[in-house]
Amino acid sequence: MLLRHSHTSPFVRKVAVLLHEVGLAGRVTFDTVDGWSEPAPLTADNPLSMVPTLVLDDGGSLYDSPVICDYLDQLHGGKRMIPETGTARWRVLREQALGDGVLDNAVLIFVELNKRPEEKRWDWWLQLKQRAIERALDHLENDAGGLVGRIDLGTISIAVALAYLDLRGAVGQWRTGRPALATWFADFAQRPSMIATAPPG
């Protein structure tokens, strides 16, 4: 399989962490692409020109990260990263949605601050997205005890989102006032899968 990726995409990192956790990292080749440039190999596999895009051995392709993670989770024989049934399944999928939502907002903030001309930036939009992230972080602080000791797609998604906040600084010092979440993340960030997938620099 081939994973079209960029080194700083947090959605790519989520897939990469899962690959390491389930022992499939050796089955995937990574191809670095710039989605902003709309390269032909990427758009042929994903008309949206977005990463991650997974090219399968039969030539088909899958996107985006929740779909890719679900597919990969069915290729290994170990503990499922997405529980198959019950309350645990919905908890993990809800946490993935929350982590991805934090990332969506953080990426929009990054684009507003780094791709849009300064005179055209919209402070109201930035503040709206920052408040959404802050509310999600407060929710996670209250629920941090439920994250401890778990490794699944929910905790992976949350950890990758927090790491991206550190990389891009979308809401400043997110750890302030959130000691339980900060402690959990500090421990999770030491997992070999997180260390192996850290963006360069």
N, C-alpha and C. Protein backbone atom coordinates (compact mmCIF):
# COMPACT_ATOMS: atom_id res chain seq x y z
N MET A 1 0.84 -1.19 0.00
CA MET A 1 0.00 0.00 0.00
C MET A 1 0.88 1.24 0.00
N LEU A 2 0.33 2.33 -0.52
CA LEU A 2 1.04 3.60 -0.62
C LEU A 2 0.21 4.68 0.07
N LEU A 3 0.84 5.42 0.98
CA LEU A 3 0.15 6.51 1.66
C LEU A 3 0.69 7.83 1.16
N ARG A 4 -0.13 8.54 0.44
CA ARG A 4 0.26 9.90 0.02
C ARG A 4 0.07 10.81 1.22
N HIS A 5 1.13 11.56 1.55
CA HIS A 5 1.13 12.26 2.82
C HIS A 5 1.94 13.54 2.74
N SER A 6 1.81 14.36 3.77
CA SER A 6 2.74 15.46 4.02
C SER A 6 3.24 15.32 5.45
N HIS A 7 4.43 15.84 5.70
CA HIS A 7 5.08 15.61 7.00
C HIS A 7 4.37 16.32 8.15
N THR A 8 3.66 17.40 7.86
CA THR A 8 3.05 18.18 8.94
C THR A 8 1.55 17.97 9.07
N SER A 9 0.95 17.16 8.19
CA SER A 9 -0.49 16.95 8.30
C SER A 9 -0.83 16.13 9.54
N PRO A 10 -1.65 16.65 10.44
CA PRO A 10 -2.00 15.87 11.63
C PRO A 10 -2.90 14.69 11.28
N PHE A 11 -3.67 14.80 10.21
CA PHE A 11 -4.53 13.69 9.82
C PHE A 11 -3.70 12.52 9.29
N VAL A 12 -2.61 12.84 8.60
CA VAL A 12 -1.65 11.81 8.20
C VAL A 12 -1.03 11.18 9.44
N ARG A 13 -0.67 12.02 10.40
CA ARG A 13 -0.02 11.48 11.60
C ARG A 13 -0.95 10.53 12.34
N LYS A 14 -2.23 10.83 12.38
CA LYS A 14 -3.19 9.93 13.03
C LYS A 14 -3.13 8.55 12.39
N VAL A 15 -3.13 8.51 11.06
CA VAL A 15 -3.03 7.24 10.35
C VAL A 15 -1.71 6.56 10.66
N ALA A 16 -0.63 7.32 10.66
CA ALA A 16 0.70 6.75 10.90
C ALA A 16 0.82 6.18 12.30
N VAL A 17 0.26 6.87 13.31
CA VAL A 17 0.30 6.35 14.68
C VAL A 17 -0.45 5.03 14.75
N LEU A 18 -1.63 4.97 14.13
CA LEU A 18 -2.38 3.72 14.13
C LEU A 18 -1.59 2.61 13.45
N LEU A 19 -0.94 2.91 12.33
CA LEU A 19 -0.13 1.89 11.65
C LEU A 19 0.92 1.30 12.59
N HIS A 20 1.58 2.16 13.34
CA HIS A 20 2.61 1.69 14.29
C HIS A 20 1.97 0.86 15.40
N GLU A 21 0.86 1.32 15.91
CA GLU A 21 0.23 0.65 17.05
C GLU A 21 -0.28 -0.75 16.70
N VAL A 22 -0.70 -0.95 15.45
CA VAL A 22 -1.25 -2.26 15.07
C VAL A 22 -0.26 -3.11 14.30
N GLY A 23 0.97 -2.63 14.15
CA GLY A 23 2.01 -3.43 13.52
C GLY A 23 1.97 -3.49 12.01
N LEU A 24 1.37 -2.48 11.38
CA LEU A 24 1.27 -2.47 9.92
C LEU A 24 2.19 -1.46 9.25
N ALA A 25 3.02 -0.77 10.01
CA ALA A 25 3.84 0.29 9.43
C ALA A 25 4.71 -0.23 8.29
N GLY A 26 5.19 -1.46 8.41
CA GLY A 26 6.06 -2.01 7.38
C GLY A 26 5.37 -2.36 6.09
N ARG A 27 4.05 -2.33 6.07
CA ARG A 27 3.30 -2.68 4.87
C ARG A 27 2.93 -1.46 4.03
N VAL A 28 3.32 -0.28 4.49
CA VAL A 28 2.91 0.94 3.80
C VAL A 28 4.15 1.75 3.40
N THR A 29 4.18 2.17 2.14
CA THR A 29 5.21 3.08 1.65
C THR A 29 4.64 4.49 1.69
N PHE A 30 5.46 5.44 2.10
CA PHE A 30 5.02 6.83 2.22
C PHE A 30 5.51 7.64 1.02
N ASP A 31 4.60 8.36 0.41
CA ASP A 31 4.93 9.23 -0.72
C ASP A 31 4.57 10.66 -0.35
N THR A 32 5.58 11.51 -0.26
CA THR A 32 5.37 12.90 0.15
C THR A 32 4.81 13.72 -1.01
N VAL A 33 3.70 14.40 -0.78
CA VAL A 33 3.08 15.24 -1.80
C VAL A 33 2.67 16.56 -1.17
N ASP A 34 2.47 17.56 -2.02
CA ASP A 34 1.98 18.87 -1.58
C ASP A 34 0.57 19.05 -2.15
N GLY A 35 -0.42 18.83 -1.31
CA GLY A 35 -1.80 18.95 -1.78
C GLY A 35 -2.15 20.32 -2.30
N TRP A 36 -1.50 21.37 -1.77
CA TRP A 36 -1.77 22.72 -2.23
C TRP A 36 -1.42 22.88 -3.70
N SER A 37 -0.47 22.07 -4.20
CA SER A 37 -0.03 22.17 -5.59
C SER A 37 -0.87 21.34 -6.55
N GLU A 38 -1.79 20.55 -6.01
CA GLU A 38 -2.65 19.69 -6.82
C GLU A 38 -1.87 18.81 -7.78
N PRO A 39 -0.91 18.05 -7.25
CA PRO A 39 -0.10 17.20 -8.14
C PRO A 39 -0.93 16.10 -8.78
N ALA A 40 -0.62 15.77 -10.00
CA ALA A 40 -1.41 14.80 -10.76
C ALA A 40 -1.51 13.43 -10.09
N PRO A 41 -0.41 12.89 -9.51
CA PRO A 41 -0.56 11.58 -8.86
C PRO A 41 -1.56 11.59 -7.71
N LEU A 42 -1.59 12.69 -6.97
CA LEU A 42 -2.54 12.78 -5.86
C LEU A 42 -3.97 12.97 -6.37
N THR A 43 -4.17 13.88 -7.29
CA THR A 43 -5.54 14.14 -7.76
C THR A 43 -6.11 12.95 -8.52
N ALA A 44 -5.22 12.11 -9.09
CA ALA A 44 -5.71 10.89 -9.76
C ALA A 44 -6.29 9.92 -8.74
N ASP A 45 -5.72 9.91 -7.54
CA ASP A 45 -6.18 9.01 -6.49
C ASP A 45 -7.25 9.65 -5.61
N ASN A 46 -7.22 10.96 -5.49
CA ASN A 46 -8.16 11.69 -4.65
C ASN A 46 -8.46 13.03 -5.32
N PRO A 47 -9.62 13.18 -5.95
CA PRO A 47 -9.92 14.42 -6.66
C PRO A 47 -9.92 15.65 -5.77
N LEU A 48 -10.00 15.45 -4.46
CA LEU A 48 -9.96 16.58 -3.54
C LEU A 48 -8.56 17.12 -3.33
N SER A 49 -7.53 16.39 -3.80
CA SER A 49 -6.13 16.78 -3.64
C SER A 49 -5.78 16.99 -2.17
N MET A 50 -6.17 16.01 -1.34
CA MET A 50 -5.93 16.12 0.09
C MET A 50 -5.23 14.87 0.60
N VAL A 51 -4.47 15.07 1.67
CA VAL A 51 -3.83 13.95 2.36
C VAL A 51 -4.47 13.81 3.74
N PRO A 52 -4.48 12.56 4.24
CA PRO A 52 -3.91 11.34 3.67
C PRO A 52 -4.82 10.72 2.62
N THR A 53 -4.17 10.10 1.64
CA THR A 53 -4.85 9.26 0.66
C THR A 53 -4.10 7.94 0.62
N LEU A 54 -4.82 6.85 0.79
CA LEU A 54 -4.21 5.53 0.81
C LEU A 54 -4.50 4.83 -0.52
N VAL A 55 -3.42 4.46 -1.23
CA VAL A 55 -3.55 3.72 -2.48
C VAL A 55 -3.39 2.24 -2.15
N LEU A 56 -4.40 1.48 -2.49
CA LEU A 56 -4.44 0.06 -2.14
C LEU A 56 -3.64 -0.77 -3.14
N ASP A 57 -3.38 -2.01 -2.76
CA ASP A 57 -2.59 -2.89 -3.62
C ASP A 57 -3.29 -3.18 -4.95
N ASP A 58 -4.61 -3.07 -4.98
CA ASP A 58 -5.33 -3.33 -6.23
C ASP A 58 -5.49 -2.07 -7.08
N GLY A 59 -4.87 -0.96 -6.63
CA GLY A 59 -4.93 0.28 -7.38
C GLY A 59 -6.03 1.22 -6.96
N GLY A 60 -6.97 0.74 -6.16
CA GLY A 60 -8.01 1.63 -5.63
C GLY A 60 -7.44 2.55 -4.57
N SER A 61 -8.25 3.49 -4.12
CA SER A 61 -7.77 4.44 -3.12
C SER A 61 -8.86 4.73 -2.09
N LEU A 62 -8.39 5.13 -0.90
CA LEU A 62 -9.29 5.49 0.20
C LEU A 62 -8.88 6.84 0.77
N TYR A 63 -9.85 7.60 1.22
CA TYR A 63 -9.65 8.88 1.90
C TYR A 63 -10.95 9.17 2.62
N ASP A 64 -10.99 9.91 3.72
CA ASP A 64 -9.96 10.60 4.43
C ASP A 64 -9.53 9.78 5.65
N SER A 65 -8.98 10.41 6.69
CA SER A 65 -8.35 9.64 7.76
C SER A 65 -9.31 8.69 8.51
N PRO A 66 -10.57 9.06 8.82
CA PRO A 66 -11.42 8.07 9.49
C PRO A 66 -11.66 6.82 8.65
N VAL A 67 -11.83 7.00 7.34
CA VAL A 67 -12.05 5.87 6.45
C VAL A 67 -10.80 5.00 6.38
N ILE A 68 -9.64 5.64 6.23
CA ILE A 68 -8.38 4.91 6.15
C ILE A 68 -8.12 4.15 7.44
N CYS A 69 -8.34 4.79 8.57
CA CYS A 69 -8.10 4.12 9.86
C CYS A 69 -9.04 2.93 10.04
N ASP A 70 -10.29 3.07 9.64
CA ASP A 70 -11.24 1.97 9.74
C ASP A 70 -10.77 0.80 8.87
N TYR A 71 -10.33 1.09 7.67
CA TYR A 71 -9.85 0.04 6.76
C TYR A 71 -8.64 -0.68 7.36
N LEU A 72 -7.66 0.10 7.80
CA LEU A 72 -6.43 -0.49 8.34
C LEU A 72 -6.71 -1.32 9.59
N ASP A 73 -7.69 -0.89 10.38
CA ASP A 73 -8.01 -1.60 11.62
C ASP A 73 -8.57 -2.99 11.37
N GLN A 74 -8.96 -3.24 10.13
CA GLN A 74 -9.49 -4.57 9.79
C GLN A 74 -8.44 -5.47 9.14
N LEU A 75 -7.20 -4.99 9.05
CA LEU A 75 -6.15 -5.77 8.39
C LEU A 75 -5.22 -6.49 9.35
N HIS A 76 -5.38 -6.26 10.64
CA HIS A 76 -4.46 -6.86 11.60
C HIS A 76 -5.22 -7.81 12.52
N GLY A 77 -4.48 -8.62 13.24
CA GLY A 77 -5.11 -9.61 14.10
C GLY A 77 -5.11 -9.27 15.57
N GLY A 78 -4.69 -8.07 15.90
CA GLY A 78 -4.62 -7.67 17.30
C GLY A 78 -5.89 -6.99 17.78
N LYS A 79 -5.76 -6.32 18.93
CA LYS A 79 -6.89 -5.59 19.51
C LYS A 79 -7.34 -4.49 18.57
N ARG A 80 -8.62 -4.39 18.35
CA ARG A 80 -9.17 -3.38 17.47
C ARG A 80 -8.98 -1.98 18.05
N MET A 81 -8.57 -1.04 17.20
CA MET A 81 -8.48 0.35 17.59
C MET A 81 -9.85 1.03 17.57
N ILE A 82 -10.80 0.43 16.85
CA ILE A 82 -12.20 0.87 16.87
C ILE A 82 -13.02 -0.33 17.34
N PRO A 83 -13.51 -0.31 18.57
CA PRO A 83 -14.31 -1.45 19.04
C PRO A 83 -15.47 -1.73 18.09
N GLU A 84 -15.80 -2.99 17.96
CA GLU A 84 -16.79 -3.38 16.96
C GLU A 84 -18.22 -3.06 17.37
N THR A 85 -18.51 -3.10 18.66
CA THR A 85 -19.89 -2.90 19.10
C THR A 85 -19.93 -2.17 20.44
N GLY A 86 -21.13 -1.78 20.82
CA GLY A 86 -21.37 -1.32 22.17
C GLY A 86 -20.95 0.10 22.47
N THR A 87 -21.03 0.42 23.77
CA THR A 87 -20.73 1.76 24.25
C THR A 87 -19.30 2.17 23.93
N ALA A 88 -18.36 1.22 24.02
CA ALA A 88 -16.96 1.55 23.75
C ALA A 88 -16.77 2.03 22.32
N ARG A 89 -17.49 1.42 21.38
CA ARG A 89 -17.37 1.84 19.97
C ARG A 89 -17.78 3.30 19.81
N TRP A 90 -18.92 3.67 20.38
CA TRP A 90 -19.41 5.04 20.20
C TRP A 90 -18.54 6.04 20.94
N ARG A 91 -17.96 5.63 22.07
CA ARG A 91 -17.04 6.52 22.77
C ARG A 91 -15.83 6.81 21.90
N VAL A 92 -15.25 5.78 21.32
CA VAL A 92 -14.05 5.96 20.48
C VAL A 92 -14.37 6.81 19.26
N LEU A 93 -15.49 6.54 18.61
CA LEU A 93 -15.83 7.33 17.42
C LEU A 93 -16.14 8.78 17.79
N ARG A 94 -16.78 9.00 18.95
CA ARG A 94 -17.04 10.37 19.39
C ARG A 94 -15.73 11.09 19.68
N GLU A 95 -14.79 10.41 20.33
CA GLU A 95 -13.49 11.03 20.62
C GLU A 95 -12.72 11.31 19.34
N GLN A 96 -12.81 10.40 18.37
CA GLN A 96 -12.17 10.69 17.09
C GLN A 96 -12.76 11.95 16.47
N ALA A 97 -14.09 12.06 16.51
CA ALA A 97 -14.75 13.24 15.95
C ALA A 97 -14.32 14.51 16.68
N LEU A 98 -14.17 14.44 18.00
CA LEU A 98 -13.74 15.61 18.77
C LEU A 98 -12.31 15.99 18.43
N GLY A 99 -11.42 14.98 18.39
CA GLY A 99 -10.04 15.26 18.02
C GLY A 99 -9.93 15.82 16.62
N ASP A 100 -10.66 15.24 15.67
CA ASP A 100 -10.64 15.74 14.31
C ASP A 100 -11.23 17.14 14.22
N GLY A 101 -12.25 17.41 15.03
CA GLY A 101 -12.83 18.74 15.05
C GLY A 101 -11.86 19.80 15.55
N VAL A 102 -11.10 19.45 16.57
CA VAL A 102 -10.04 20.35 17.04
C VAL A 102 -9.06 20.62 15.90
N LEU A 103 -8.67 19.56 15.20
CA LEU A 103 -7.74 19.71 14.09
C LEU A 103 -8.33 20.56 12.97
N ASP A 104 -9.58 20.31 12.61
CA ASP A 104 -10.21 21.11 11.56
C ASP A 104 -10.14 22.60 11.89
N ASN A 105 -10.47 22.93 13.14
CA ASN A 105 -10.44 24.34 13.55
C ASN A 105 -9.02 24.89 13.58
N ALA A 106 -8.08 24.08 14.05
CA ALA A 106 -6.69 24.53 14.12
C ALA A 106 -6.11 24.74 12.73
N VAL A 107 -6.45 23.87 11.79
CA VAL A 107 -5.98 24.03 10.42
C VAL A 107 -6.57 25.30 9.80
N LEU A 108 -7.85 25.56 10.05
CA LEU A 108 -8.47 26.78 9.53
C LEU A 108 -7.78 28.03 10.10
N ILE A 109 -7.42 27.98 11.37
CA ILE A 109 -6.69 29.10 11.97
C ILE A 109 -5.34 29.26 11.29
N PHE A 110 -4.65 28.15 11.07
CA PHE A 110 -3.35 28.20 10.40
C PHE A 110 -3.47 28.81 9.01
N VAL A 111 -4.48 28.38 8.27
CA VAL A 111 -4.67 28.90 6.91
C VAL A 111 -4.98 30.40 6.95
N GLU A 112 -5.83 30.80 7.89
CA GLU A 112 -6.19 32.21 7.99
C GLU A 112 -4.96 33.08 8.29
N LEU A 113 -4.08 32.56 9.15
CA LEU A 113 -2.93 33.35 9.57
C LEU A 113 -1.74 33.25 8.62
N ASN A 114 -1.68 32.18 7.84
CA ASN A 114 -0.47 31.96 7.04
C ASN A 114 -0.69 31.94 5.54
N LYS A 115 -1.93 31.78 5.10
CA LYS A 115 -2.20 31.74 3.67
C LYS A 115 -2.97 32.98 3.19
N ARG A 116 -3.74 33.58 4.08
CA ARG A 116 -4.52 34.74 3.68
C ARG A 116 -3.71 36.02 3.93
N PRO A 117 -3.76 36.98 3.01
CA PRO A 117 -3.06 38.25 3.24
C PRO A 117 -3.52 38.91 4.55
N GLU A 118 -2.58 39.52 5.25
CA GLU A 118 -2.88 40.06 6.57
C GLU A 118 -4.06 41.02 6.55
N GLU A 119 -4.16 41.86 5.53
CA GLU A 119 -5.22 42.85 5.49
C GLU A 119 -6.60 42.23 5.26
N LYS A 120 -6.62 40.94 4.89
CA LYS A 120 -7.89 40.27 4.64
C LYS A 120 -8.27 39.27 5.73
N ARG A 121 -7.47 39.19 6.79
CA ARG A 121 -7.78 38.26 7.87
C ARG A 121 -9.03 38.72 8.63
N TRP A 122 -9.77 37.74 9.12
CA TRP A 122 -11.06 38.00 9.75
C TRP A 122 -10.96 37.60 11.22
N ASP A 123 -10.84 38.59 12.09
CA ASP A 123 -10.66 38.31 13.51
C ASP A 123 -11.84 37.56 14.10
N TRP A 124 -13.05 37.90 13.69
CA TRP A 124 -14.23 37.20 14.20
C TRP A 124 -14.15 35.71 13.90
N TRP A 125 -13.71 35.35 12.71
CA TRP A 125 -13.58 33.95 12.30
C TRP A 125 -12.52 33.25 13.14
N LEU A 126 -11.38 33.90 13.32
CA LEU A 126 -10.32 33.32 14.15
C LEU A 126 -10.80 33.06 15.56
N GLN A 127 -11.48 34.03 16.15
CA GLN A 127 -11.95 33.89 17.53
C GLN A 127 -13.01 32.79 17.65
N LEU A 128 -13.86 32.67 16.64
CA LEU A 128 -14.88 31.62 16.63
C LEU A 128 -14.22 30.25 16.68
N LYS A 129 -13.20 30.06 15.85
CA LYS A 129 -12.52 28.77 15.80
C LYS A 129 -11.71 28.51 17.07
N GLN A 130 -11.11 29.55 17.61
CA GLN A 130 -10.36 29.39 18.86
C GLN A 130 -11.27 29.02 20.01
N ARG A 131 -12.46 29.62 20.08
CA ARG A 131 -13.39 29.28 21.15
C ARG A 131 -13.85 27.83 21.05
N ALA A 132 -14.04 27.36 19.84
CA ALA A 132 -14.43 25.96 19.66
C ALA A 132 -13.35 25.02 20.19
N ILE A 133 -12.10 25.34 19.90
CA ILE A 133 -10.99 24.52 20.41
C ILE A 133 -10.93 24.58 21.93
N GLU A 134 -11.07 25.77 22.49
CA GLU A 134 -11.01 25.93 23.94
C GLU A 134 -12.11 25.11 24.62
N ARG A 135 -13.32 25.12 24.07
CA ARG A 135 -14.40 24.34 24.66
C ARG A 135 -14.09 22.85 24.59
N ALA A 136 -13.54 22.41 23.47
CA ALA A 136 -13.18 21.00 23.34
C ALA A 136 -12.10 20.62 24.35
N LEU A 137 -11.13 21.48 24.57
CA LEU A 137 -10.08 21.21 25.54
C LEU A 137 -10.64 21.15 26.95
N ASP A 138 -11.56 22.04 27.27
CA ASP A 138 -12.18 22.01 28.60
C ASP A 138 -12.96 20.70 28.80
N HIS A 139 -13.65 20.27 27.76
CA HIS A 139 -14.37 18.99 27.83
C HIS A 139 -13.39 17.85 28.07
N LEU A 140 -12.28 17.86 27.36
CA LEU A 140 -11.29 16.80 27.51
C LEU A 140 -10.64 16.83 28.89
N GLU A 141 -10.45 18.01 29.45
CA GLU A 141 -9.90 18.11 30.80
C GLU A 141 -10.85 17.43 31.79
N ASN A 142 -12.13 17.67 31.63
CA ASN A 142 -13.10 17.07 32.54
C ASN A 142 -13.17 15.55 32.37
N ASP A 143 -12.82 15.07 31.18
CA ASP A 143 -12.93 13.65 30.86
C ASP A 143 -11.58 12.95 30.82
N ALA A 144 -10.52 13.64 31.26
CA ALA A 144 -9.17 13.11 31.09
C ALA A 144 -8.97 11.78 31.80
N GLY A 145 -9.65 11.56 32.93
CA GLY A 145 -9.51 10.30 33.65
C GLY A 145 -9.93 9.12 32.80
N GLY A 146 -10.88 9.32 31.90
CA GLY A 146 -11.34 8.25 31.04
C GLY A 146 -10.41 7.92 29.90
N LEU A 147 -9.38 8.75 29.70
CA LEU A 147 -8.40 8.50 28.65
C LEU A 147 -7.24 7.64 29.13
N VAL A 148 -7.01 7.65 30.43
CA VAL A 148 -5.83 7.01 31.01
C VAL A 148 -5.85 5.50 30.77
N GLY A 149 -4.71 4.99 30.32
CA GLY A 149 -4.55 3.54 30.16
C GLY A 149 -5.15 2.97 28.90
N ARG A 150 -5.65 3.82 28.03
CA ARG A 150 -6.29 3.34 26.80
C ARG A 150 -5.44 3.63 25.59
N ILE A 151 -5.46 2.73 24.61
CA ILE A 151 -4.89 2.99 23.30
C ILE A 151 -5.89 2.52 22.27
N ASP A 152 -6.51 3.47 21.61
CA ASP A 152 -7.49 3.19 20.58
C ASP A 152 -7.56 4.42 19.68
N LEU A 153 -8.44 4.39 18.68
CA LEU A 153 -8.47 5.51 17.75
C LEU A 153 -8.95 6.79 18.40
N GLY A 154 -9.71 6.68 19.48
CA GLY A 154 -10.13 7.87 20.20
C GLY A 154 -8.95 8.58 20.85
N THR A 155 -8.17 7.83 21.61
CA THR A 155 -7.03 8.46 22.30
C THR A 155 -5.96 8.88 21.29
N ILE A 156 -5.77 8.12 20.23
CA ILE A 156 -4.82 8.53 19.19
C ILE A 156 -5.24 9.87 18.60
N SER A 157 -6.51 10.00 18.27
CA SER A 157 -7.00 11.24 17.65
C SER A 157 -6.81 12.44 18.56
N ILE A 158 -7.09 12.26 19.83
CA ILE A 158 -6.94 13.36 20.78
C ILE A 158 -5.47 13.73 20.95
N ALA A 159 -4.61 12.73 21.09
CA ALA A 159 -3.18 13.01 21.26
C ALA A 159 -2.60 13.72 20.05
N VAL A 160 -2.98 13.29 18.87
CA VAL A 160 -2.47 13.95 17.65
C VAL A 160 -2.97 15.39 17.58
N ALA A 161 -4.22 15.62 17.98
CA ALA A 161 -4.75 16.98 17.98
C ALA A 161 -3.97 17.87 18.94
N LEU A 162 -3.68 17.38 20.13
CA LEU A 162 -2.93 18.18 21.11
C LEU A 162 -1.51 18.45 20.61
N ALA A 163 -0.91 17.46 19.98
CA ALA A 163 0.43 17.66 19.43
C ALA A 163 0.42 18.72 18.34
N TYR A 164 -0.65 18.76 17.55
CA TYR A 164 -0.74 19.77 16.49
C TYR A 164 -0.92 21.16 17.08
N LEU A 165 -1.63 21.27 18.19
CA LEU A 165 -1.73 22.57 18.85
C LEU A 165 -0.36 23.04 19.30
N ASP A 166 0.48 22.11 19.75
CA ASP A 166 1.85 22.48 20.11
C ASP A 166 2.63 22.93 18.88
N LEU A 167 2.41 22.25 17.76
CA LEU A 167 3.16 22.58 16.54
C LEU A 167 2.76 23.94 15.98
N ARG A 168 1.46 24.23 15.96
CA ARG A 168 0.98 25.44 15.30
C ARG A 168 0.57 26.56 16.25
N GLY A 169 0.38 26.24 17.54
CA GLY A 169 0.05 27.29 18.50
C GLY A 169 -1.28 27.96 18.26
N ALA A 170 -2.29 27.21 17.84
CA ALA A 170 -3.57 27.81 17.45
C ALA A 170 -4.27 28.53 18.59
N VAL A 171 -4.06 28.06 19.83
CA VAL A 171 -4.73 28.69 20.98
C VAL A 171 -3.74 29.02 22.09
N GLY A 172 -2.50 29.20 21.77
CA GLY A 172 -1.53 29.56 22.79
C GLY A 172 -1.21 28.40 23.72
N GLN A 173 -1.11 28.68 25.01
CA GLN A 173 -0.71 27.68 26.00
C GLN A 173 -1.92 26.85 26.44
N TRP A 174 -2.23 25.82 25.68
CA TRP A 174 -3.46 25.06 25.95
C TRP A 174 -3.41 24.32 27.28
N ARG A 175 -2.21 24.05 27.82
CA ARG A 175 -2.11 23.30 29.08
C ARG A 175 -2.56 24.12 30.30
N THR A 176 -2.55 25.43 30.19
CA THR A 176 -2.90 26.29 31.33
C THR A 176 -4.33 26.00 31.78
N GLY A 177 -4.48 25.64 33.05
CA GLY A 177 -5.79 25.33 33.61
C GLY A 177 -6.30 23.95 33.28
N ARG A 178 -5.46 23.14 32.62
CA ARG A 178 -5.89 21.78 32.24
C ARG A 178 -4.82 20.77 32.65
N PRO A 179 -4.55 20.64 33.93
CA PRO A 179 -3.45 19.79 34.39
C PRO A 179 -3.66 18.32 34.11
N ALA A 180 -4.90 17.84 34.21
CA ALA A 180 -5.14 16.41 33.98
C ALA A 180 -4.91 16.04 32.53
N LEU A 181 -5.37 16.88 31.63
CA LEU A 181 -5.17 16.62 30.21
C LEU A 181 -3.70 16.72 29.85
N ALA A 182 -3.02 17.71 30.41
CA ALA A 182 -1.60 17.88 30.14
C ALA A 182 -0.79 16.68 30.61
N THR A 183 -1.14 16.16 31.79
CA THR A 183 -0.43 15.00 32.33
C THR A 183 -0.66 13.77 31.46
N TRP A 184 -1.92 13.58 31.07
CA TRP A 184 -2.22 12.43 30.21
C TRP A 184 -1.44 12.52 28.90
N PHE A 185 -1.45 13.71 28.29
CA PHE A 185 -0.77 13.87 27.01
C PHE A 185 0.73 13.67 27.13
N ALA A 186 1.32 14.17 28.21
CA ALA A 186 2.77 14.01 28.40
C ALA A 186 3.14 12.54 28.42
N ASP A 187 2.30 11.73 29.02
CA ASP A 187 2.56 10.29 29.06
C ASP A 187 2.32 9.65 27.70
N PHE A 188 1.21 9.98 27.06
CA PHE A 188 0.89 9.37 25.77
C PHE A 188 1.92 9.75 24.71
N ALA A 189 2.42 10.96 24.78
CA ALA A 189 3.37 11.44 23.78
C ALA A 189 4.68 10.67 23.80
N GLN A 190 4.93 9.89 24.85
CA GLN A 190 6.15 9.09 24.93
C GLN A 190 5.98 7.71 24.31
N ARG A 191 4.81 7.40 23.82
CA ARG A 191 4.63 6.12 23.14
C ARG A 191 5.53 6.07 21.91
N PRO A 192 6.13 4.91 21.61
CA PRO A 192 6.99 4.81 20.42
C PRO A 192 6.29 5.25 19.14
N SER A 193 5.00 5.01 19.04
CA SER A 193 4.26 5.41 17.83
C SER A 193 4.20 6.92 17.67
N MET A 194 4.10 7.64 18.78
CA MET A 194 4.07 9.10 18.71
C MET A 194 5.45 9.66 18.40
N ILE A 195 6.46 9.06 19.01
CA ILE A 195 7.84 9.53 18.77
C ILE A 195 8.23 9.28 17.31
N ALA A 196 7.86 8.11 16.79
CA ALA A 196 8.25 7.75 15.42
C ALA A 196 7.56 8.61 14.37
N THR A 197 6.41 9.19 14.71
CA THR A 197 5.63 9.95 13.72
C THR A 197 5.71 11.45 13.93
N ALA A 198 6.56 11.91 14.83
CA ALA A 198 6.67 13.35 15.08
C ALA A 198 7.13 14.06 13.81
N PRO A 199 6.55 15.22 13.48
CA PRO A 199 6.97 15.95 12.28
C PRO A 199 8.41 16.41 12.40
N PRO A 200 9.11 16.56 11.27
CA PRO A 200 10.51 16.98 11.33
C PRO A 200 10.66 18.35 11.99
N GLY A 201 11.76 18.51 12.72
CA GLY A 201 12.07 19.81 13.32
C GLY A 201 11.27 20.10 14.54
